[in-house]
Protein backbone atom coordinates (compact mmCIF):
# COMPACT_ATOMS: atom_id res chain seq x y z
CA MET A 1 0.00 0.00 0.00
CA SER A 2 2.99 2.26 -0.06
CA GLU A 3 3.11 2.86 -3.80
CA ALA A 4 3.05 6.44 -4.97
CA GLY A 5 -0.38 7.95 -4.60
CA ALA A 6 -1.69 5.13 -2.42
CA ARG A 7 -3.00 5.72 1.06
CA THR A 8 -1.04 4.54 4.08
CA GLY A 9 -2.20 1.04 5.00
CA ILE A 10 -2.59 -0.07 8.61
CA LEU A 11 -3.25 -3.67 9.63
CA ILE A 12 -5.01 -4.02 13.00
CA VAL A 13 -4.47 -7.43 14.61
CA GLU A 14 -6.96 -7.41 17.48
CA ASP A 15 -9.85 -9.62 18.61
CA ASP A 16 -11.71 -7.09 20.80
CA PRO A 17 -14.44 -5.60 18.54
CA ASN A 18 -14.77 -2.47 20.67
CA ILE A 19 -11.09 -1.62 20.33
CA VAL A 20 -11.16 -2.47 16.62
CA ASP A 21 -14.12 -0.14 16.02
CA LEU A 22 -12.48 2.68 18.00
CA ILE A 23 -9.16 2.47 16.19
CA ARG A 24 -10.60 1.80 12.74
CA SER A 25 -13.03 4.71 12.81
CA ASN A 26 -10.41 7.19 14.03
CA LEU A 27 -7.84 6.06 11.48
CA ALA A 28 -10.27 5.92 8.56
CA VAL A 29 -11.49 9.46 9.13
CA ARG A 30 -7.86 10.61 8.93
CA GLY A 31 -7.34 8.98 5.56
CA TYR A 32 -5.67 5.71 6.50
CA GLU A 33 -6.54 2.48 4.69
CA VAL A 34 -7.47 0.07 7.50
CA ILE A 35 -7.45 -3.74 7.38
CA VAL A 36 -8.46 -5.92 10.33
CA SER A 37 -7.53 -9.43 11.39
CA THR A 38 -8.77 -11.15 14.54
CA ASP A 39 -6.40 -14.11 14.34
CA GLY A 40 -2.71 -14.65 13.71
CA LEU A 41 -2.77 -16.86 10.62
CA HIS A 42 -5.04 -14.48 8.78
CA ALA A 43 -2.80 -11.59 9.84
CA LEU A 44 0.23 -13.24 8.23
CA ALA A 45 -1.73 -13.81 5.03
CA LEU A 46 -2.81 -10.15 4.97
CA LEU A 47 0.76 -9.05 5.61
CA GLU A 48 1.77 -10.87 2.42
CA SER A 49 -1.20 -9.89 0.24
CA GLU A 50 -1.94 -6.32 1.36
CA ARG A 51 1.59 -5.16 2.29
CA PRO A 52 0.51 -2.64 4.93
CA ASP A 53 2.80 0.15 6.09
CA ILE A 54 2.07 -0.34 9.81
CA VAL A 55 0.84 -3.26 11.92
CA LEU A 56 -0.93 -2.62 15.24
CA LEU A 57 -0.44 -5.93 17.02
CA ASP A 58 -2.21 -7.15 20.15
CA LEU A 59 -0.24 -9.81 22.03
CA MET A 60 -3.22 -11.57 23.64
CA LEU A 61 -4.86 -13.23 20.66
CA PRO A 62 -6.85 -16.49 20.67
CA GLU A 63 -4.97 -19.63 19.65
CA VAL A 64 -1.73 -17.82 18.84
CA ASP A 65 1.28 -16.54 20.74
CA GLY A 66 1.53 -12.81 20.08
CA PHE A 67 5.29 -12.78 20.57
CA ASP A 68 5.73 -15.56 18.02
CA LEU A 69 3.49 -13.67 15.61
CA CYS A 70 5.63 -10.56 16.08
CA ARG A 71 8.75 -12.61 15.31
CA GLN A 72 7.21 -14.10 12.17
CA MET A 73 6.11 -10.68 10.93
CA ARG A 74 9.59 -9.27 11.39
CA GLU A 75 11.15 -12.24 9.59
CA ARG A 76 8.83 -11.72 6.61
CA SER A 77 8.73 -7.95 6.32
CA ASN A 78 10.23 -4.59 7.27
CA VAL A 79 6.73 -3.31 8.07
CA GLY A 80 6.49 -1.02 11.08
CA VAL A 81 5.21 -3.05 14.03
CA ILE A 82 3.60 -1.30 16.99
CA VAL A 83 2.57 -3.66 19.76
CA VAL A 84 -0.66 -2.53 21.46
CA SER A 85 -1.21 -4.65 24.54
CA ALA A 86 -2.79 -4.73 27.99
CA ARG A 87 0.44 -6.32 29.22
CA GLY A 88 2.36 -3.35 30.56
CA GLY A 89 5.33 -5.00 32.25
CA ASP A 90 8.89 -4.14 31.28
CA ARG A 91 9.62 -7.81 30.57
CA ASP A 92 6.89 -7.97 27.91
CA LYS A 93 8.03 -4.68 26.38
CA VAL A 94 11.67 -5.77 26.16
CA ALA A 95 10.64 -9.17 24.77
CA ALA A 96 8.60 -7.53 22.00
CA LEU A 97 11.40 -5.11 21.14
CA ASN A 98 13.89 -7.98 21.07
CA LEU A 99 11.67 -9.70 18.51
CA GLY A 100 11.75 -6.64 16.26
CA ALA A 101 8.76 -4.54 17.33
CA ASP A 102 9.38 -0.86 16.60
CA ASP A 103 7.25 0.44 19.45
CA TYR A 104 5.13 -0.76 22.38
CA MET A 105 1.92 0.83 23.69
CA THR A 106 0.01 -0.21 26.79
CA LYS A 107 -3.78 -0.22 26.90
CA PRO A 108 -5.66 1.95 27.65
CA PHE A 109 -4.30 4.69 25.40
CA SER A 110 -5.55 7.86 23.77
CA ILE A 111 -6.14 8.15 20.04
CA GLU A 112 -3.80 11.17 20.03
CA GLU A 113 -1.00 9.03 21.44
CA LEU A 114 -1.67 6.27 18.91
CA LEU A 115 -1.58 8.74 16.02
CA ALA A 116 1.69 10.21 17.29
CA ARG A 117 3.24 6.73 17.52
CA ILE A 118 2.10 5.86 14.00
CA SER A 119 3.58 9.08 12.62
CA ALA A 120 6.88 8.48 14.43
CA THR A 121 7.12 4.93 13.09
CA LEU A 122 6.37 6.06 9.54
CA ARG A 123 9.15 8.65 9.76
CA ARG A 124 11.60 5.83 10.41
CA THR A 125 10.27 3.54 7.68
CA ARG A 126 10.03 6.41 5.17
CA PRO A 127 13.08 8.57 5.94
CA SER A 128 13.76 11.70 3.97
CA PRO A 129 16.61 11.47 1.46
CA GLY A 130 20.07 12.56 2.53
CA ALA A 131 21.51 15.96 1.71
CA ASP A 132 22.70 16.45 -1.84
CA GLY A 133 26.44 16.12 -2.24
CA ALA A 134 26.94 14.29 1.05
CA PRO A 135 28.86 10.99 0.87
CA THR A 136 26.47 8.08 0.82
CA THR A 137 28.80 5.09 1.32
CA ILE A 138 30.88 5.11 4.49
CA ALA A 139 33.28 2.46 5.76
CA LEU A 140 32.37 1.26 9.24
CA ALA A 141 35.03 -1.34 10.04
CA GLY A 142 36.98 -3.83 7.95
CA ASP A 143 34.76 -4.91 5.06
CA LEU A 144 31.64 -3.45 6.68
CA GLU A 145 30.11 -0.34 5.08
CA ILE A 146 26.88 1.63 5.19
CA ASP A 147 25.15 3.14 2.16
CA LEU A 148 23.03 6.01 3.48
CA ALA A 149 21.27 6.63 0.16
CA ALA A 150 20.28 2.99 -0.37
CA ARG A 151 19.57 2.53 3.37
CA GLN A 152 21.71 -0.58 3.34
CA VAL A 153 24.61 -2.09 5.26
CA ARG A 154 26.97 -4.44 3.44
CA ARG A 155 29.72 -6.80 4.53
CA ALA A 156 32.17 -7.69 1.76
CA GLY A 157 29.58 -6.42 -0.72
CA GLU A 158 26.72 -8.55 0.60
CA ALA A 159 23.71 -6.81 2.13
CA LEU A 160 22.88 -7.40 5.80
CA HIS A 161 19.25 -7.31 6.86
CA LEU A 162 18.50 -4.36 9.12
CA THR A 163 15.03 -3.20 10.05
CA PRO A 164 14.17 0.46 9.44
CA THR A 165 14.52 1.26 13.15
CA GLU A 166 17.88 -0.51 13.37
CA PHE A 167 19.11 1.43 10.34
CA ALA A 168 17.81 4.73 11.74
CA LEU A 169 19.70 4.17 14.98
CA LEU A 170 22.90 3.21 13.18
CA ARG A 171 22.61 6.24 10.90
CA GLU A 172 22.49 8.59 13.90
CA LEU A 173 25.64 7.02 15.33
CA VAL A 174 27.38 7.21 11.95
CA ASN A 175 26.45 10.85 11.44
CA GLU A 176 28.18 11.73 14.73
CA ARG A 177 30.91 9.14 14.64
CA GLY A 178 33.20 9.22 17.67
CA LYS A 179 30.83 11.43 19.64
CA VAL A 180 28.81 10.10 22.57
CA LEU A 181 25.07 10.42 21.98
CA THR A 182 22.99 10.22 25.14
CA HIS A 183 20.07 7.86 25.56
CA ALA A 184 17.70 10.83 25.38
CA GLN A 185 19.30 12.18 22.18
CA LEU A 186 19.06 8.83 20.43
CA LEU A 187 15.49 8.27 21.57
CA ARG A 188 14.42 11.72 20.40
CA ARG A 189 16.16 11.43 17.04
CA VAL A 190 15.17 7.85 16.21
CA TRP A 191 11.78 7.38 17.91
CA GLY A 192 10.68 11.00 18.39
CA ARG A 193 9.80 13.46 21.08
CA GLY A 194 8.18 11.95 24.14
CA TYR A 195 10.37 8.83 24.13
CA GLU A 196 13.29 10.34 26.05
CA THR A 197 12.77 8.17 29.14
CA GLU A 198 12.32 4.86 27.24
CA THR A 199 15.96 3.84 27.71
CA GLU A 200 15.20 0.15 27.19
CA TYR A 201 14.35 0.93 23.55
CA VAL A 202 17.93 2.06 22.90
CA ARG A 203 19.49 -0.76 24.91
CA VAL A 204 17.54 -3.42 23.03
CA TYR A 205 18.24 -1.97 19.59
CA VAL A 206 21.94 -1.41 20.27
CA ARG A 207 22.11 -5.06 21.30
CA ARG A 208 20.39 -6.05 18.04
CA LEU A 209 22.84 -3.95 15.99
CA ARG A 210 25.85 -5.42 17.76
CA ALA A 211 24.61 -8.95 17.08
CA LYS A 212 24.29 -8.17 13.36
CA LEU A 213 27.38 -6.00 12.81
CA GLU A 214 30.07 -7.19 15.21
CA ASP A 215 31.73 -10.56 14.61
CA GLY A 216 33.23 -10.92 18.09
CA GLU A 217 36.79 -11.10 16.74
CA GLY A 218 37.64 -7.48 16.02
CA PRO A 219 37.25 -4.43 18.28
CA PRO A 220 33.66 -3.40 19.13
CA LEU A 221 31.94 -1.08 16.69
CA ILE A 222 29.42 0.48 19.10
CA LEU A 223 30.89 1.61 22.40
CA THR A 224 28.97 2.14 25.64
CA GLN A 225 29.44 5.18 27.83
CA PRO A 226 28.05 3.84 31.14
CA ARG A 227 24.87 5.61 32.33
CA VAL A 228 25.22 8.13 29.48
CA GLY A 229 24.79 6.63 26.01
CA TYR A 230 26.65 5.21 23.02
CA ARG A 231 29.11 6.19 20.33
CA LEU A 232 30.39 4.63 17.14
CA ALA A 233 34.09 3.78 17.28
CA ALA A 234 36.26 6.33 15.50
CA GLU A 235 37.65 5.36 12.11
């Protein structure tokens, strides 16, 4: 649904009809194309056939594990995944982020908050092009390089799979290479305003980047400044 001229598509995976009606009506009136699934298998089929831009995923679905569904969605697509769940514990939030969710909202929530989260996620999955004349391919370490224009990371010429949020975080570190960026700075730049206290978001996604980019043999690429933030190792 992301072709030029098409409306932004949102897949709601939720079995509570009251919540579905509330979200669907508020999104539709704002011009979003809304699709609904009340079960996990159908949601995966819709992910393939409709190619939505955002998935709003409830974790407590009948006959399916919501975390496993989140994992399967991330394996199949770079779609923005916002978990919307009544489970508000930090353990559930970190588990969902570890599986590739881009954001996590706890019920009950306001429509204004939901709309803000959708907009923030779309900014990451549809980033604005880089400045004209700026270098687009930058060496990171050894045979590892990032192509900012293509939004791609390659090792020895072969592309590595990064989600849009992972790439957005790495891009911020690359743009200020060698400089420590605080948790709040990274949260504001990657997720948006209002996320400055969600430090677990940064911790989880830095861990995901390290697992994908560092081979364990050479020096670390992303360095931790305890209780402050992170920086990309200098060239």
